[in-house]
Amino acid sequence: MKPSTACCLAVATVLALMGGVVDATVVTTCKAAAGRDGRVDYGFCVSELGKHHDSPSADTWGLAKVAALTGLVNADNAVYDIKALLAKHGTDDGSARAALGQCQELYDGMGFAFAEAHDDINSRDYAGGKEKAGEAASMAHRCDDAFAKAGVPSPVTQYSDYSAQIAVVCSAITNLIQ
């Protein structure tokens, strides 16, 4: 077997083990976004955008909108989990309940911010889209701050981290649109 054939087979095996092939546009767009904005986590970008059903047919403009939609879904999932935590009988600590309540409001607002980012990008108002994505990231940080002030660990840290990262991806990809 030629070395080039062995290399191609190895790459194909790795891609098969990863669960499929990520569209080349996602890869090239994430690479360009990471190259232009050092805050972009290339692996996160490829992984998360590659999961969305619209990504294979999306151009850069479409991928910016996919990033905003992905942020919206994450915010909605956070609200669902926060409501479940508030309904639990074990959440009797007043400061934790207050922080959860504040985060529920913030994640509701974050969902709207990501939806508005999508709409702005769709309308080609790129500055507005980036501003709304930035607002979403700010709300994630404010949720983390609410738990820090309460002196309790946040049960929604994974949502905050995700929201901040996808907001950066959304803004960075929007910056690539000509």
Protein backbone atom coordinates (compact mmCIF):
# COMPACT_ATOMS: atom_id res chain seq x y z
CA MET A 1 0.00 0.00 0.00
CA LYS A 2 1.31 3.46 -0.95
CA PRO A 3 1.94 5.94 1.88
CA SER A 4 -0.67 8.34 0.45
CA THR A 5 -3.27 5.56 0.37
CA ALA A 6 -2.47 4.60 3.96
CA CYS A 7 -2.81 8.24 5.01
CA CYS A 8 -6.20 8.57 3.30
CA LEU A 9 -7.43 5.39 4.95
CA ALA A 10 -6.25 6.63 8.35
CA VAL A 11 -8.08 9.94 7.88
CA ALA A 12 -11.23 8.14 6.75
CA THR A 13 -11.05 5.85 9.78
CA VAL A 14 -10.69 8.78 12.17
CA LEU A 15 -13.64 10.55 10.56
CA ALA A 16 -15.75 7.41 10.75
CA LEU A 17 -14.89 7.00 14.41
CA MET A 18 -15.88 10.61 15.03
CA GLY A 19 -19.38 9.77 13.87
CA GLY A 20 -19.38 11.22 10.41
CA VAL A 21 -17.84 13.78 8.17
CA VAL A 22 -18.04 17.43 9.10
CA ASP A 23 -18.80 19.66 6.12
CA ALA A 24 -15.76 21.39 4.63
CA THR A 25 -17.46 24.78 4.87
CA VAL A 26 -17.80 24.38 8.65
CA VAL A 27 -14.13 23.44 8.91
CA THR A 28 -12.87 26.28 6.71
CA THR A 29 -15.18 28.85 8.30
CA CYS A 30 -14.19 27.85 11.83
CA LYS A 31 -10.52 27.88 10.85
CA ALA A 32 -10.88 31.38 9.41
CA ALA A 33 -12.83 32.58 12.46
CA ALA A 34 -10.22 31.15 14.85
CA GLY A 35 -7.44 32.67 12.77
CA ARG A 36 -9.04 36.08 12.94
CA ASP A 37 -10.26 36.00 16.55
CA GLY A 38 -8.06 34.30 19.13
CA ARG A 39 -11.04 33.80 21.46
CA VAL A 40 -12.59 31.24 19.08
CA ASP A 41 -12.07 27.64 20.12
CA TYR A 42 -11.66 25.93 16.74
CA GLY A 43 -12.59 22.46 18.01
CA PHE A 44 -15.72 23.77 19.74
CA CYS A 45 -16.71 25.68 16.61
CA VAL A 46 -16.37 22.67 14.30
CA SER A 47 -18.02 20.30 16.74
CA GLU A 48 -21.04 22.45 17.54
CA LEU A 49 -21.73 23.90 14.10
CA GLY A 50 -21.13 20.50 12.51
CA LYS A 51 -24.02 19.05 14.52
CA HIS A 52 -26.67 21.38 13.11
CA HIS A 53 -28.79 20.08 10.24
CA ASP A 54 -28.47 23.34 8.26
CA SER A 55 -24.66 23.41 8.35
CA PRO A 56 -23.87 21.18 5.35
CA SER A 57 -25.65 23.55 2.96
CA ALA A 58 -24.72 26.79 4.75
CA ASP A 59 -22.26 29.42 3.61
CA THR A 60 -20.52 31.77 6.05
CA TRP A 61 -23.67 33.88 6.42
CA GLY A 62 -25.71 30.75 7.12
CA LEU A 63 -23.18 29.47 9.67
CA ALA A 64 -23.34 32.77 11.58
CA LYS A 65 -27.10 32.27 11.80
CA VAL A 66 -26.60 28.61 12.84
CA ALA A 67 -24.33 29.78 15.66
CA ALA A 68 -27.03 32.18 16.88
CA LEU A 69 -29.68 29.45 16.71
CA THR A 70 -27.41 27.08 18.61
CA GLY A 71 -27.06 29.71 21.33
CA LEU A 72 -30.84 30.07 21.46
CA VAL A 73 -31.31 26.31 21.93
CA ASN A 74 -28.70 26.27 24.69
CA ALA A 75 -30.46 29.12 26.49
CA ASP A 76 -33.81 27.33 26.21
CA ASN A 77 -32.26 24.15 27.61
CA ALA A 78 -30.81 26.12 30.52
CA VAL A 79 -34.22 27.60 31.34
CA TYR A 80 -35.74 24.12 31.30
CA ASP A 81 -33.07 22.78 33.68
CA ILE A 82 -33.31 25.82 35.96
CA LYS A 83 -37.09 25.36 36.24
CA ALA A 84 -36.50 21.71 37.16
CA LEU A 85 -33.95 22.71 39.80
CA LEU A 86 -36.33 25.29 41.27
CA ALA A 87 -39.07 22.67 41.45
CA LYS A 88 -36.85 20.25 43.38
CA HIS A 89 -37.59 19.99 47.06
CA GLY A 90 -33.87 20.02 47.90
CA THR A 91 -33.40 23.58 46.69
CA ASP A 92 -34.34 25.15 49.99
CA ASP A 93 -31.31 27.44 50.29
CA GLY A 94 -32.72 30.92 49.79
CA SER A 95 -29.57 32.35 48.22
CA ALA A 96 -29.32 29.45 45.75
CA ARG A 97 -33.01 29.83 44.85
CA ALA A 98 -32.55 33.57 44.34
CA ALA A 99 -29.53 32.99 42.07
CA LEU A 100 -31.45 30.34 40.11
CA GLY A 101 -34.38 32.72 39.72
CA GLN A 102 -32.09 35.46 38.50
CA CYS A 103 -30.43 33.05 36.08
CA GLN A 104 -33.79 31.91 34.76
CA GLU A 105 -34.59 35.52 33.86
CA LEU A 106 -31.13 36.00 32.35
CA TYR A 107 -31.39 32.86 30.23
CA ASP A 108 -34.86 33.89 29.07
CA GLY A 109 -33.33 37.18 27.97
CA MET A 110 -30.37 35.37 26.46
CA GLY A 111 -32.68 33.29 24.29
CA PHE A 112 -34.26 36.48 22.98
CA ALA A 113 -30.82 38.04 22.43
CA PHE A 114 -29.67 35.06 20.35
CA ALA A 115 -32.96 35.11 18.41
CA GLU A 116 -32.46 38.81 17.71
CA ALA A 117 -28.83 38.14 16.69
CA HIS A 118 -30.14 35.56 14.20
CA ASP A 119 -32.73 38.00 12.86
CA ASP A 120 -30.21 40.83 12.58
CA ILE A 121 -27.68 38.64 10.76
CA ASN A 122 -30.46 37.33 8.51
CA SER A 123 -31.36 40.96 7.69
CA ARG A 124 -27.67 41.64 7.04
CA ASP A 125 -27.44 43.97 10.04
CA TYR A 126 -24.14 42.44 11.12
CA ALA A 127 -23.31 45.07 13.73
CA GLY A 128 -26.69 44.48 15.37
CA GLY A 129 -26.18 40.71 15.28
CA LYS A 130 -22.78 40.96 16.93
CA GLU A 131 -24.15 43.35 19.54
CA LYS A 132 -26.96 40.92 20.43
CA ALA A 133 -24.52 37.99 20.63
CA GLY A 134 -22.38 40.09 22.96
CA GLU A 135 -25.42 40.81 25.13
CA ALA A 136 -26.10 37.08 25.35
CA ALA A 137 -22.55 36.39 26.51
CA SER A 138 -22.86 39.16 29.09
CA MET A 139 -26.00 37.54 30.50
CA ALA A 140 -24.14 34.25 30.90
CA HIS A 141 -21.45 36.02 32.93
CA ARG A 142 -24.09 37.77 35.04
CA CYS A 143 -25.63 34.40 35.88
CA ASP A 144 -22.24 33.11 37.03
CA ASP A 145 -21.82 36.28 39.08
CA ALA A 146 -25.17 35.71 40.81
CA PHE A 147 -23.97 32.36 42.13
CA ALA A 148 -20.58 33.76 43.10
CA LYS A 149 -22.28 36.52 45.13
CA ALA A 150 -24.54 33.92 46.76
CA GLY A 151 -21.47 31.91 47.69
CA VAL A 152 -22.79 28.71 46.15
CA PRO A 153 -21.52 26.71 43.17
CA SER A 154 -23.47 27.23 39.97
CA PRO A 155 -25.37 24.20 38.68
CA VAL A 156 -25.57 25.81 35.23
CA THR A 157 -21.90 26.52 34.55
CA GLN A 158 -21.89 24.31 31.46
CA TYR A 159 -24.63 26.47 29.93
CA SER A 160 -22.77 29.67 30.76
CA ASP A 161 -19.53 28.40 29.25
CA TYR A 162 -21.34 27.20 26.13
CA SER A 163 -23.25 30.48 25.74
CA ALA A 164 -20.11 32.58 26.00
CA GLN A 165 -18.26 30.38 23.50
CA ILE A 166 -21.06 30.24 20.94
CA ALA A 167 -21.53 34.02 21.18
CA VAL A 168 -17.84 34.47 20.34
CA VAL A 169 -18.17 32.03 17.43
CA CYS A 170 -21.26 33.84 16.16
CA SER A 171 -19.53 37.23 16.27
CA ALA A 172 -16.29 35.95 14.75
CA ILE A 173 -18.07 34.26 11.85
CA THR A 174 -20.18 37.37 11.30
CA ASN A 175 -16.92 39.32 11.00
CA LEU A 176 -15.94 37.06 8.09
CA ILE A 177 -18.97 37.98 6.00
CA GLN A 178 -18.10 40.33 3.15
